[in-house]
PDB file of all heavy atoms in Angstrom:
ATOM      1  N   GLY A   1       7.972-103.809  69.421  1.00  0.00           N
ATOM      2  CA  GLY A   1       7.495-104.846  68.517  1.00  0.00           C
ATOM      3  C   GLY A   1       6.570-105.850  69.157  1.00  0.00           C
ATOM      4  O   GLY A   1       5.723-106.442  68.475  1.00  0.00           O
ATOM      5  N   ASP A   2       6.686-106.073  70.466  1.00  0.00           N
ATOM      6  CA  ASP A   2       5.848-107.060  71.140  1.00  0.00           C
ATOM      7  C   ASP A   2       4.669-106.432  71.887  1.00  0.00           C
ATOM      8  O   ASP A   2       3.940-107.137  72.587  1.00  0.00           O
ATOM      9  CB  ASP A   2       6.696-107.887  72.108  1.00  0.00           C
ATOM     10  CG  ASP A   2       7.734-108.730  71.375  1.00  0.00           C
ATOM     11  OD1 ASP A   2       7.373-109.333  70.348  1.00  0.00           O
ATOM     12  OD2 ASP A   2       8.903-108.758  71.813  1.00  0.00           O
ATOM     13  N   ARG A   3       4.502-105.115  71.741  1.00  0.00           N
ATOM     14  CA  ARG A   3       3.336-104.448  72.329  1.00  0.00           C
ATOM     15  C   ARG A   3       2.127-104.587  71.412  1.00  0.00           C
ATOM     16  O   ARG A   3       2.253-104.654  70.193  1.00  0.00           O
ATOM     17  CB  ARG A   3       3.638-102.967  72.566  1.00  0.00           C
ATOM     18  CG  ARG A   3       4.534-102.705  73.754  1.00  0.00           C
ATOM     19  CD  ARG A   3       4.968-101.251  73.816  1.00  0.00           C
ATOM     20  NE  ARG A   3       3.856-100.331  73.606  1.00  0.00           N
ATOM     21  CZ  ARG A   3       4.023 -99.001  73.496  1.00  0.00           C
ATOM     22  NH1 ARG A   3       5.236 -98.485  73.574  1.00  0.00           N
ATOM     23  NH2 ARG A   3       2.982 -98.224  73.317  1.00  0.00           N
ATOM     24  N   ARG A   4       0.920-104.626  72.022  1.00  0.00           N
ATOM     25  CA  ARG A   4      -0.311-104.681  71.237  1.00  0.00           C
ATOM     26  C   ARG A   4      -0.527-103.350  70.525  1.00  0.00           C
ATOM     27  O   ARG A   4      -0.219-102.282  71.058  1.00  0.00           O
ATOM     28  CB  ARG A   4      -1.510-104.988  72.139  1.00  0.00           C
ATOM     29  CG  ARG A   4      -1.367-106.294  72.911  1.00  0.00           C
ATOM     30  CD  ARG A   4      -1.224-107.478  71.995  1.00  0.00           C
ATOM     31  NE  ARG A   4      -0.919-108.718  72.717  1.00  0.00           N
ATOM     32  CZ  ARG A   4      -0.549-109.841  72.127  1.00  0.00           C
ATOM     33  NH1 ARG A   4      -0.437-109.891  70.814  1.00  0.00           N
ATOM     34  NH2 ARG A   4      -0.272-110.919  72.849  1.00  0.00           N
ATOM     35  N   LEU A   5      -1.101-103.431  69.318  1.00  0.00           N
ATOM     36  CA  LEU A   5      -1.299-102.221  68.534  1.00  0.00           C
ATOM     37  C   LEU A   5      -2.257-101.241  69.201  1.00  0.00           C
ATOM     38  O   LEU A   5      -2.225-100.046  68.900  1.00  0.00           O
ATOM     39  CB  LEU A   5      -1.799-102.575  67.130  1.00  0.00           C
ATOM     40  CG  LEU A   5      -0.715-102.592  66.041  1.00  0.00           C
ATOM     41  CD1 LEU A   5       0.361-103.611  66.365  1.00  0.00           C
ATOM     42  CD2 LEU A   5      -1.305-102.850  64.672  1.00  0.00           C
ATOM     43  N   ARG A   6      -3.110-101.734  70.105  1.00  0.00           N
ATOM     44  CA  ARG A   6      -4.033-100.818  70.783  1.00  0.00           C
ATOM     45  C   ARG A   6      -3.290 -99.805  71.653  1.00  0.00           C
ATOM     46  O   ARG A   6      -3.853 -98.784  72.023  1.00  0.00           O
ATOM     47  CB  ARG A   6      -5.042-101.613  71.615  1.00  0.00           C
ATOM     48  CG  ARG A   6      -4.444-102.351  72.808  1.00  0.00           C
ATOM     49  CD  ARG A   6      -5.557-102.900  73.704  1.00  0.00           C
ATOM     50  NE  ARG A   6      -6.330-103.914  73.007  1.00  0.00           N
ATOM     51  CZ  ARG A   6      -6.109-105.218  73.103  1.00  0.00           C
ATOM     52  NH1 ARG A   6      -5.118-105.670  73.871  1.00  0.00           N
ATOM     53  NH2 ARG A   6      -6.856-106.084  72.462  1.00  0.00           N
ATOM     54  N   THR A   7      -2.029-100.079  71.959  1.00  0.00           N
ATOM     55  CA  THR A   7      -1.240 -99.161  72.772  1.00  0.00           C
ATOM     56  C   THR A   7      -0.385 -98.221  71.922  1.00  0.00           C
ATOM     57  O   THR A   7       0.300 -97.365  72.461  1.00  0.00           O
ATOM     58  CB  THR A   7      -0.307 -99.938  73.716  1.00  0.00           C
ATOM     59  OG1 THR A   7       0.721-100.600  72.953  1.00  0.00           O
ATOM     60  CG2 THR A   7      -1.083-100.967  74.522  1.00  0.00           C
ATOM     61  N   TYR A   8      -0.434 -98.367  70.598  1.00  0.00           N
ATOM     62  CA  TYR A   8       0.401 -97.547  69.713  1.00  0.00           C
ATOM     63  C   TYR A   8      -0.219 -96.158  69.516  1.00  0.00           C
ATOM     64  O   TYR A   8      -1.437 -96.003  69.447  1.00  0.00           O
ATOM     65  CB  TYR A   8       0.533 -98.210  68.347  1.00  0.00           C
ATOM     66  CG  TYR A   8       1.591 -99.285  68.257  1.00  0.00           C
ATOM     67  CD1 TYR A   8       2.007 -99.996  69.373  1.00  0.00           C
ATOM     68  CD2 TYR A   8       2.171 -99.603  67.035  1.00  0.00           C
ATOM     69  CE1 TYR A   8       2.972-100.989  69.276  1.00  0.00           C
ATOM     70  CE2 TYR A   8       3.137-100.601  66.924  1.00  0.00           C
ATOM     71  CZ  TYR A   8       3.530-101.287  68.047  1.00  0.00           C
ATOM     72  OH  TYR A   8       4.486-102.270  67.950  1.00  0.00           O
ATOM     73  N   SER A   9       0.644 -95.152  69.378  1.00  0.00           N
ATOM     74  CA  SER A   9       0.205 -93.814  69.003  1.00  0.00           C
ATOM     75  C   SER A   9      -0.055 -93.770  67.499  1.00  0.00           C
ATOM     76  O   SER A   9       0.262 -94.719  66.764  1.00  0.00           O
ATOM     77  CB  SER A   9       1.269 -92.783  69.365  1.00  0.00           C
ATOM     78  OG  SER A   9       2.433 -92.980  68.561  1.00  0.00           O
ATOM     79  N   LYS A  10      -0.629 -92.643  67.032  1.00  0.00           N
ATOM     80  CA  LYS A  10      -0.890 -92.512  65.586  1.00  0.00           C
ATOM     81  C   LYS A  10       0.409 -92.599  64.798  1.00  0.00           C
ATOM     82  O   LYS A  10       0.486 -93.255  63.748  1.00  0.00           O
ATOM     83  CB  LYS A  10      -1.579 -91.170  65.300  1.00  0.00           C
ATOM     84  CG  LYS A  10      -1.831 -90.887  63.822  1.00  0.00           C
ATOM     85  CD  LYS A  10      -2.820 -91.850  63.203  1.00  0.00           C
ATOM     86  CE  LYS A  10      -3.009 -91.609  61.711  1.00  0.00           C
ATOM     87  NZ  LYS A  10      -3.639 -90.333  61.375  1.00  0.00           N
ATOM     88  N   GLY A  11       1.461 -91.953  65.287  1.00  0.00           N
ATOM     89  CA  GLY A  11       2.736 -92.011  64.592  1.00  0.00           C
ATOM     90  C   GLY A  11       3.307 -93.413  64.540  1.00  0.00           C
ATOM     91  O   GLY A  11       3.886 -93.829  63.521  1.00  0.00           O
ATOM     92  N   MET A  12       3.151 -94.177  65.621  1.00  0.00           N
ATOM     93  CA  MET A  12       3.641 -95.553  65.646  1.00  0.00           C
ATOM     94  C   MET A  12       2.849 -96.428  64.678  1.00  0.00           C
ATOM     95  O   MET A  12       3.405 -97.304  64.014  1.00  0.00           O
ATOM     96  CB  MET A  12       3.576 -96.106  67.064  1.00  0.00           C
ATOM     97  CG  MET A  12       4.519 -95.405  68.040  1.00  0.00           C
ATOM     98  SD  MET A  12       4.225 -95.864  69.761  1.00  0.00           S
ATOM     99  CE  MET A  12       4.863 -97.538  69.787  1.00  0.00           C
ATOM    100  N   LEU A  13       1.539 -96.200  64.596  1.00  0.00           N
ATOM    101  CA  LEU A  13       0.719 -96.960  63.654  1.00  0.00           C
ATOM    102  C   LEU A  13       1.124 -96.664  62.211  1.00  0.00           C
ATOM    103  O   LEU A  13       1.149 -97.562  61.365  1.00  0.00           O
ATOM    104  CB  LEU A  13      -0.760 -96.639  63.864  1.00  0.00           C
ATOM    105  CG  LEU A  13      -1.411 -97.212  65.128  1.00  0.00           C
ATOM    106  CD1 LEU A  13      -2.824 -96.671  65.294  1.00  0.00           C
ATOM    107  CD2 LEU A  13      -1.429 -98.744  65.076  1.00  0.00           C
ATOM    108  N   GLN A  14       1.450 -95.392  61.935  1.00  0.00           N
ATOM    109  CA  GLN A  14       1.900 -95.045  60.593  1.00  0.00           C
ATOM    110  C   GLN A  14       3.218 -95.754  60.268  1.00  0.00           C
ATOM    111  O   GLN A  14       3.432 -96.232  59.158  1.00  0.00           O
ATOM    112  CB  GLN A  14       2.069 -93.528  60.461  1.00  0.00           C
ATOM    113  CG  GLN A  14       0.776 -92.731  60.508  1.00  0.00           C
ATOM    114  CD  GLN A  14      -0.098 -92.962  59.295  1.00  0.00           C
ATOM    115  OE1 GLN A  14      -0.928 -93.867  59.288  1.00  0.00           O
ATOM    116  NE2 GLN A  14       0.075 -92.164  58.274  1.00  0.00           N
ATOM    117  N   ARG A  15       4.105 -95.829  61.263  1.00  0.00           N
ATOM    118  CA  ARG A  15       5.405 -96.452  61.015  1.00  0.00           C
ATOM    119  C   ARG A  15       5.289 -97.980  60.879  1.00  0.00           C
ATOM    120  O   ARG A  15       5.988 -98.573  60.068  1.00  0.00           O
ATOM    121  CB  ARG A  15       6.382 -96.077  62.123  1.00  0.00           C
ATOM    122  CG  ARG A  15       6.941 -94.657  61.946  1.00  0.00           C
ATOM    123  CD  ARG A  15       7.985 -94.338  62.981  1.00  0.00           C
ATOM    124  NE  ARG A  15       7.393 -94.002  64.262  1.00  0.00           N
ATOM    125  CZ  ARG A  15       7.957 -94.254  65.428  1.00  0.00           C
ATOM    126  NH1 ARG A  15       9.112 -94.886  65.493  1.00  0.00           N
ATOM    127  NH2 ARG A  15       7.365 -93.899  66.545  1.00  0.00           N
ATOM    128  N   ILE A  16       4.380 -98.601  61.644  1.00  0.00           N
ATOM    129  CA  ILE A  16       4.193-100.044  61.458  1.00  0.00           C
ATOM    130  C   ILE A  16       3.516-100.292  60.106  1.00  0.00           C
ATOM    131  O   ILE A  16       3.775-101.310  59.442  1.00  0.00           O
ATOM    132  CB  ILE A  16       3.371-100.673  62.616  1.00  0.00           C
ATOM    133  CG1 ILE A  16       3.640-102.191  62.697  1.00  0.00           C
ATOM    134  CG2 ILE A  16       1.894-100.441  62.469  1.00  0.00           C
ATOM    135  CD1 ILE A  16       5.000-102.556  63.140  1.00  0.00           C
ATOM    136  N   GLY A  17       2.681 -99.347  59.677  1.00  0.00           N
ATOM    137  CA  GLY A  17       2.080 -99.446  58.347  1.00  0.00           C
ATOM    138  C   GLY A  17       3.125 -99.327  57.250  1.00  0.00           C
ATOM    139  O   GLY A  17       3.057-100.017  56.223  1.00  0.00           O
ATOM    140  N   LEU A  18       4.099 -98.449  57.466  1.00  0.00           N
ATOM    141  CA  LEU A  18       5.174 -98.315  56.498  1.00  0.00           C
ATOM    142  C   LEU A  18       6.027 -99.586  56.457  1.00  0.00           C
ATOM    143  O   LEU A  18       6.423-100.046  55.380  1.00  0.00           O
ATOM    144  CB  LEU A  18       6.035 -97.103  56.852  1.00  0.00           C
ATOM    145  CG  LEU A  18       7.162 -96.744  55.889  1.00  0.00           C
ATOM    146  CD1 LEU A  18       6.639 -96.576  54.471  1.00  0.00           C
ATOM    147  CD2 LEU A  18       7.869 -95.479  56.345  1.00  0.00           C
ATOM    148  N   ALA A  19       6.288-100.170  57.624  1.00  0.00           N
ATOM    149  CA  ALA A  19       7.021-101.432  57.662  1.00  0.00           C
ATOM    150  C   ALA A  19       6.257-102.513  56.911  1.00  0.00           C
ATOM    151  O   ALA A  19       6.847-103.328  56.180  1.00  0.00           O
ATOM    152  CB  ALA A  19       7.262-101.851  59.110  1.00  0.00           C
ATOM    153  N   GLN A  20       4.936-102.548  57.070  1.00  0.00           N
ATOM    154  CA  GLN A  20       4.110-103.521  56.355  1.00  0.00           C
ATOM    155  C   GLN A  20       4.221-103.324  54.843  1.00  0.00           C
ATOM    156  O   GLN A  20       4.279-104.299  54.083  1.00  0.00           O
ATOM    157  CB  GLN A  20       2.657-103.370  56.822  1.00  0.00           C
ATOM    158  CG  GLN A  20       1.640-104.180  56.070  1.00  0.00           C
ATOM    159  CD  GLN A  20       1.070-103.428  54.870  1.00  0.00           C
ATOM    160  OE1 GLN A  20       0.791-104.011  53.828  1.00  0.00           O
ATOM    161  NE2 GLN A  20       0.926-102.115  54.994  1.00  0.00           N
ATOM    162  N   ALA A  21       4.264-102.048  54.409  1.00  0.00           N
ATOM    163  CA  ALA A  21       4.365-101.771  52.977  1.00  0.00           C
ATOM    164  C   ALA A  21       5.710-102.205  52.404  1.00  0.00           C
ATOM    165  O   ALA A  21       5.832-102.449  51.207  1.00  0.00           O
ATOM    166  CB  ALA A  21       4.144-100.280  52.728  1.00  0.00           C
ATOM    167  N   LEU A  22       6.728-102.324  53.266  1.00  0.00           N
ATOM    168  CA  LEU A  22       8.076-102.663  52.821  1.00  0.00           C
ATOM    169  C   LEU A  22       8.388-104.153  52.932  1.00  0.00           C
ATOM    170  O   LEU A  22       9.486-104.579  52.564  1.00  0.00           O
ATOM    171  CB  LEU A  22       9.105-101.878  53.648  1.00  0.00           C
ATOM    172  CG  LEU A  22       9.150-100.366  53.424  1.00  0.00           C
ATOM    173  CD1 LEU A  22       9.990 -99.710  54.508  1.00  0.00           C
ATOM    174  CD2 LEU A  22       9.707-100.055  52.051  1.00  0.00           C
ATOM    175  N   LEU A  23       7.447-104.952  53.417  1.00  0.00           N
ATOM    176  CA  LEU A  23       7.722-106.367  53.709  1.00  0.00           C
ATOM    177  C   LEU A  23       8.285-107.132  52.512  1.00  0.00           C
ATOM    178  O   LEU A  23       9.227-107.912  52.645  1.00  0.00           O
ATOM    179  CB  LEU A  23       6.450-107.046  54.215  1.00  0.00           C
ATOM    180  CG  LEU A  23       6.169-106.944  55.714  1.00  0.00           C
ATOM    181  CD1 LEU A  23       4.738-107.372  56.010  1.00  0.00           C
ATOM    182  CD2 LEU A  23       7.156-107.798  56.499  1.00  0.00           C
ATOM    183  N   HIS A  24       7.716-106.918  51.342  1.00  0.00           N
ATOM    184  CA  HIS A  24       8.138-107.683  50.161  1.00  0.00           C
ATOM    185  C   HIS A  24       9.185-106.933  49.344  1.00  0.00           C
ATOM    186  O   HIS A  24       9.420-107.262  48.184  1.00  0.00           O
ATOM    187  CB  HIS A  24       6.923-108.038  49.292  1.00  0.00           C
ATOM    188  CG  HIS A  24       6.146-106.849  48.805  1.00  0.00           C
ATOM    189  ND1 HIS A  24       5.479-105.989  49.654  1.00  0.00           N
ATOM    190  CD2 HIS A  24       5.935-106.375  47.551  1.00  0.00           C
ATOM    191  CE1 HIS A  24       4.882-105.044  48.943  1.00  0.00           C
ATOM    192  NE2 HIS A  24       5.160-105.243  47.681  1.00  0.00           N
ATOM    193  N   ASP A  25       9.814-105.918  49.957  1.00  0.00           N
ATOM    194  CA  ASP A  25      10.889-105.149  49.329  1.00  0.00           C
ATOM    195  C   ASP A  25      10.458-104.577  47.983  1.00  0.00           C
ATOM    196  O   ASP A  25      11.086-104.824  46.942  1.00  0.00           O
ATOM    197  CB  ASP A  25      12.132-106.030  49.154  1.00  0.00           C
ATOM    198  CG  ASP A  25      13.381-105.210  48.854  1.00  0.00           C
ATOM    199  OD1 ASP A  25      13.428-104.023  49.227  1.00  0.00           O
ATOM    200  OD2 ASP A  25      14.313-105.757  48.235  1.00  0.00           O
ATOM    201  N   PRO A  26       9.398-103.733  47.966  1.00  0.00           N
ATOM    202  CA  PRO A  26       8.893-103.202  46.697  1.00  0.00           C
ATOM    203  C   PRO A  26       9.824-102.132  46.130  1.00  0.00           C
ATOM    204  O   PRO A  26      10.615-101.521  46.847  1.00  0.00           O
ATOM    205  CB  PRO A  26       7.541-102.604  47.092  1.00  0.00           C
ATOM    206  CG  PRO A  26       7.734-102.183  48.515  1.00  0.00           C
ATOM    207  CD  PRO A  26       8.629-103.229  49.123  1.00  0.00           C
ATOM    208  N   ASP A  27       9.701-101.899  44.828  1.00  0.00           N
ATOM    209  CA  ASP A  27      10.486-100.857  44.165  1.00  0.00           C
ATOM    210  C   ASP A  27       9.802 -99.500  44.224  1.00  0.00           C
ATOM    211  O   ASP A  27      10.457 -98.468  44.042  1.00  0.00           O
ATOM    212  CB  ASP A  27      10.725-101.240  42.696  1.00  0.00           C
ATOM    213  CG  ASP A  27      11.518-102.519  42.568  1.00  0.00           C
ATOM    214  OD1 ASP A  27      12.602-102.605  43.170  1.00  0.00           O
ATOM    215  OD2 ASP A  27      11.052-103.445  41.874  1.00  0.00           O
ATOM    216  N   LEU A  28       8.486 -99.495  44.436  1.00  0.00           N
ATOM    217  CA  LEU A  28       7.712 -98.257  44.460  1.00  0.00           C
ATOM    218  C   LEU A  28       6.843 -98.229  45.705  1.00  0.00           C
ATOM    219  O   LEU A  28       6.129 -99.191  45.989  1.00  0.00           O
ATOM    220  CB  LEU A  28       6.824 -98.158  43.205  1.00  0.00           C
ATOM    221  CG  LEU A  28       5.786 -97.040  43.162  1.00  0.00           C
ATOM    222  CD1 LEU A  28       6.443 -95.666  43.214  1.00  0.00           C
ATOM    223  CD2 LEU A  28       4.907 -97.166  41.911  1.00  0.00           C
ATOM    224  N   LEU A  29       6.909 -97.123  46.446  1.00  0.00           N
ATOM    225  CA  LEU A  29       6.070 -96.924  47.626  1.00  0.00           C
ATOM    226  C   LEU A  29       5.036 -95.841  47.341  1.00  0.00           C
ATOM    227  O   LEU A  29       5.385 -94.742  46.891  1.00  0.00           O
ATOM    228  CB  LEU A  29       6.923 -96.501  48.822  1.00  0.00           C
ATOM    229  CG  LEU A  29       7.723 -97.585  49.535  1.00  0.00           C
ATOM    230  CD1 LEU A  29       8.657 -96.945  50.554  1.00  0.00           C
ATOM    231  CD2 LEU A  29       6.809 -98.576  50.214  1.00  0.00           C
ATOM    232  N   LEU A  30       3.769 -96.142  47.613  1.00  0.00           N
ATOM    233  CA  LEU A  30       2.692 -95.173  47.523  1.00  0.00           C
ATOM    234  C   LEU A  30       2.217 -94.869  48.940  1.00  0.00           C
ATOM    235  O   LEU A  30       1.733 -95.767  49.638  1.00  0.00           O
ATOM    236  CB  LEU A  30       1.535 -95.713  46.681  1.00  0.00           C
ATOM    237  CG  LEU A  30       1.818 -95.985  45.201  1.00  0.00           C
ATOM    238  CD1 LEU A  30       0.592 -96.583  44.535  1.00  0.00           C
ATOM    239  CD2 LEU A  30       2.241 -94.722  44.487  1.00  0.00           C
ATOM    240  N   LEU A  31       2.372 -93.616  49.367  1.00  0.00           N
ATOM    241  CA  LEU A  31       2.041 -93.222  50.730  1.00  0.00           C
ATOM    242  C   LEU A  31       0.972 -92.134  50.681  1.00  0.00           C
ATOM    243  O   LEU A  31       1.219 -91.030  50.185  1.00  0.00           O
ATOM    244  CB  LEU A  31       3.297 -92.692  51.450  1.00  0.00           C
ATOM    245  CG  LEU A  31       4.567 -93.556  51.347  1.00  0.00           C
ATOM    246  CD1 LEU A  31       5.722 -92.874  52.072  1.00  0.00           C
ATOM    247  CD2 LEU A  31       4.316 -94.948  51.900  1.00  0.00           C
ATOM    248  N   ASP A  32      -0.207 -92.454  51.188  1.00  0.00           N
ATOM    249  CA  ASP A  32      -1.342 -91.528  51.150  1.00  0.00           C
ATOM    250  C   ASP A  32      -1.393 -90.757  52.468  1.00  0.00           C
ATOM    251  O   ASP A  32      -1.734 -91.319  53.512  1.00  0.00           O
ATOM    252  CB  ASP A  32      -2.635 -92.303  50.912  1.00  0.00           C
ATOM    253  CG  ASP A  32      -3.803 -91.392  50.550  1.00  0.00           C
ATOM    254  OD1 ASP A  32      -3.591 -90.164  50.458  1.00  0.00           O
ATOM    255  OD2 ASP A  32      -4.916 -91.903  50.349  1.00  0.00           O
ATOM    256  N   GLU A  33      -1.064 -89.464  52.426  1.00  0.00           N
ATOM    257  CA  GLU A  33      -1.048 -88.599  53.614  1.00  0.00           C
ATOM    258  C   GLU A  33      -0.292 -89.271  54.768  1.00  0.00           C
ATOM    259  O   GLU A  33      -0.845 -89.475  55.856  1.00  0.00           O
ATOM    260  CB  GLU A  33      -2.484 -88.264  54.044  1.00  0.00           C
ATOM    261  CG  GLU A  33      -3.296 -87.514  53.004  1.00  0.00           C
ATOM    262  CD  GLU A  33      -2.982 -86.024  52.945  1.00  0.00           C
ATOM    263  OE1 GLU A  33      -2.107 -85.567  53.722  1.00  0.00           O
ATOM    264  OE2 GLU A  33      -3.601 -85.326  52.120  1.00  0.00           O
ATOM    265  N   PRO A  34       0.974 -89.616  54.591  1.00  0.00           N
ATOM    266  CA  PRO A  34       1.679 -90.402  55.615  1.00  0.00           C
ATOM    267  C   PRO A  34       1.892 -89.678  56.934  1.00  0.00           C
ATOM    268  O   PRO A  34       2.098 -90.324  57.959  1.00  0.00           O
ATOM    269  CB  PRO A  34       3.022 -90.720  54.946  1.00  0.00           C
ATOM    270  CG  PRO A  34       3.215 -89.639  53.944  1.00  0.00           C
ATOM    271  CD  PRO A  34       1.838 -89.319  53.431  1.00  0.00           C
ATOM    272  N   THR A  35       1.859 -88.326  56.939  1.00  0.00           N
ATOM    273  CA  THR A  35       2.101 -87.595  58.184  1.00  0.00           C
ATOM    274  C   THR A  35       0.836 -86.942  58.740  1.00  0.00           C
ATOM    275  O   THR A  35       0.919 -86.164  59.691  1.00  0.00           O
ATOM    276  CB  THR A  35       3.172 -86.504  57.970  1.00  0.00           C
ATOM    277  OG1 THR A  35       2.713 -85.573  56.977  1.00  0.00           O
ATOM    278  CG2 THR A  35       4.492 -87.118  57.507  1.00  0.00           C
ATOM    279  N   ALA A  36      -0.334 -87.265  58.182  1.00  0.00           N
ATOM    280  CA  ALA A  36      -1.577 -86.654  58.658  1.00  0.00           C
ATOM    281  C   ALA A  36      -1.873 -87.076  60.094  1.00  0.00           C
ATOM    282  O   ALA A  36      -1.874 -88.262  60.419  1.00  0.00           O
ATOM    283  CB  ALA A  36      -2.743 -87.049  57.748  1.00  0.00           C
ATOM    284  N   GLY A  37      -2.111 -86.108  60.963  1.00  0.00           N
ATOM    285  CA  GLY A  37      -2.455 -86.396  62.344  1.00  0.00           C
ATOM    286  C   GLY A  37      -1.307 -86.864  63.201  1.00  0.00           C
ATOM    287  O   GLY A  37      -1.525 -87.332  64.323  1.00  0.00           O
ATOM    288  N   VAL A  38      -0.075 -86.758  62.702  1.00  0.00           N
ATOM    289  CA  VAL A  38       1.095 -87.216  63.438  1.00  0.00           C
ATOM    290  C   VAL A  38       1.802 -86.010  64.054  1.00  0.00           C
ATOM    291  O   VAL A  38       1.871 -84.939  63.444  1.00  0.00           O
ATOM    292  CB  VAL A  38       2.054 -87.978  62.492  1.00  0.00           C
ATOM    293  CG1 VAL A  38       3.298 -88.436  63.228  1.00  0.00           C
ATOM    294  CG2 VAL A  38       1.332 -89.176  61.872  1.00  0.00           C
ATOM    295  N   ASP A  39       2.350 -86.168  65.278  1.00  0.00           N
ATOM    296  CA  ASP A  39       3.041 -85.058  65.929  1.00  0.00           C
ATOM    297  C   ASP A  39       4.335 -84.745  65.180  1.00  0.00           C
ATOM    298  O   ASP A  39       4.804 -85.518  64.338  1.00  0.00           O
ATOM    299  CB  ASP A  39       3.332 -85.392  67.401  1.00  0.00           C
ATOM    300  CG  ASP A  39       4.241 -86.592  67.568  1.00  0.00           C
ATOM    301  OD1 ASP A  39       5.361 -86.585  67.026  1.00  0.00           O
ATOM    302  OD2 ASP A  39       3.842 -87.554  68.254  1.00  0.00           O
ATOM    303  N   PRO A  40       4.965 -83.578  65.464  1.00  0.00           N
ATOM    304  CA  PRO A  40       6.148 -83.161  64.697  1.00  0.00           C
ATOM    305  C   PRO A  40       7.284 -84.173  64.707  1.00  0.00           C
ATOM    306  O   PRO A  40       7.945 -84.373  63.688  1.00  0.00           O
ATOM    307  CB  PRO A  40       6.564 -81.853  65.380  1.00  0.00           C
ATOM    308  CG  PRO A  40       5.291 -81.297  65.937  1.00  0.00           C
ATOM    309  CD  PRO A  40       4.506 -82.494  66.370  1.00  0.00           C
ATOM    310  N   LEU A  41       7.523 -84.832  65.850  1.00  0.00           N
ATOM    311  CA  LEU A  41       8.604 -85.806  65.906  1.00  0.00           C
ATOM    312  C   LEU A  41       8.301 -87.018  65.032  1.00  0.00           C
ATOM    313  O   LEU A  41       9.146 -87.481  64.254  1.00  0.00           O
ATOM    314  CB  LEU A  41       8.856 -86.244  67.343  1.00  0.00           C
ATOM    315  CG  LEU A  41       9.975 -87.273  67.544  1.00  0.00           C
ATOM    316  CD1 LEU A  41      11.300 -86.748  67.019  1.00  0.00           C
ATOM    317  CD2 LEU A  41      10.090 -87.663  69.011  1.00  0.00           C
ATOM    318  N   GLY A  42       7.067 -87.530  65.129  1.00  0.00           N
ATOM    319  CA  GLY A  42       6.681 -88.665  64.296  1.00  0.00           C
ATOM    320  C   GLY A  42       6.691 -88.307  62.819  1.00  0.00           C
ATOM    321  O   GLY A  42       7.070 -89.115  61.979  1.00  0.00           O
ATOM    322  N   SER A  43       6.290 -87.064  62.507  1.00  0.00           N
ATOM    323  CA  SER A  43       6.306 -86.605  61.127  1.00  0.00           C
ATOM    324  C   SER A  43       7.727 -86.575  60.590  1.00  0.00           C
ATOM    325  O   SER A  43       7.991 -87.009  59.458  1.00  0.00           O
ATOM    326  CB  SER A  43       5.673 -85.210  61.049  1.00  0.00           C
ATOM    327  OG  SER A  43       5.702 -84.719  59.731  1.00  0.00           O
TER     328      SER A  43
END
């Protein structure tokens, strides 16, 4: 959490993006190609 985003992998960026989408506790999540370019573990 305290690392700069420039050091994040693609999978980590996707997950921080997902956390950002959940900040206001929405009822509906829209995820556009959430696993594109992510390794199998991150996927």
